[in-house]
Amino acid sequence: MDSSRFKQYIIPLNATLFRIAYRIVRDADVAKDMVQDTFIALWHKREILDELVNVESFAVKVLKNRCIDYLRTTHIYNMIDDAADVVDENLRADALLENGNRLSGIMLKLEKLPYRQKQILLMRSVQELSMDEIARMTGLSSINVRTLLSRARKRLRELCESELMEL
């Protein structure tokens, strides 16, 4: 796809992509950044765009993945920051270290979950999204979301229990 076709078919998707990004990230500035990142990614993949049946669908998929990656990264760091803020100033240094190790342990356990389970668990627990919102954002049915969330919680519990057994 050359630049004129890119301008003709991709750039007009700006408003649509912005609305989708804004629904996901809930911040206009970040949504604009996500759309820009999507345009850049699409430009880098312009050779394959002509081969696609539905370029708009592909653009939306790229955008959703970028938004979800942004939320996952941002919210994990915010969660770590919030956990650090909650810690009482009077705790001894070794208690701070222990809390940090626990949080690191949970983060490591989250990384052991399959991508979709981890994604849905973070969306539900950290972002506090409803099941319907998660279903819309991921493109899964509500039943699939509930099943994956249940499996993620169960697996995380098993990983935590197995660590306790090792102690």
Foldseek 3Di string as FASTA:
>chain_A
DDPVVCVVPPVVCQVVQLVLLCLLQVDNVVSNVLLVVLSVVCVVVVVCQVVDPDNSVVSNVSSLVSSLVVCVVVLLVVVVVVLLVPDDPPDDPVVVVVSVVVSVVLVVLLVVQPPLLSSLLCCCPRVVDDLVSVCVSVVHDSVVSVVSPVVSVVSSVVVVVVVVVVD
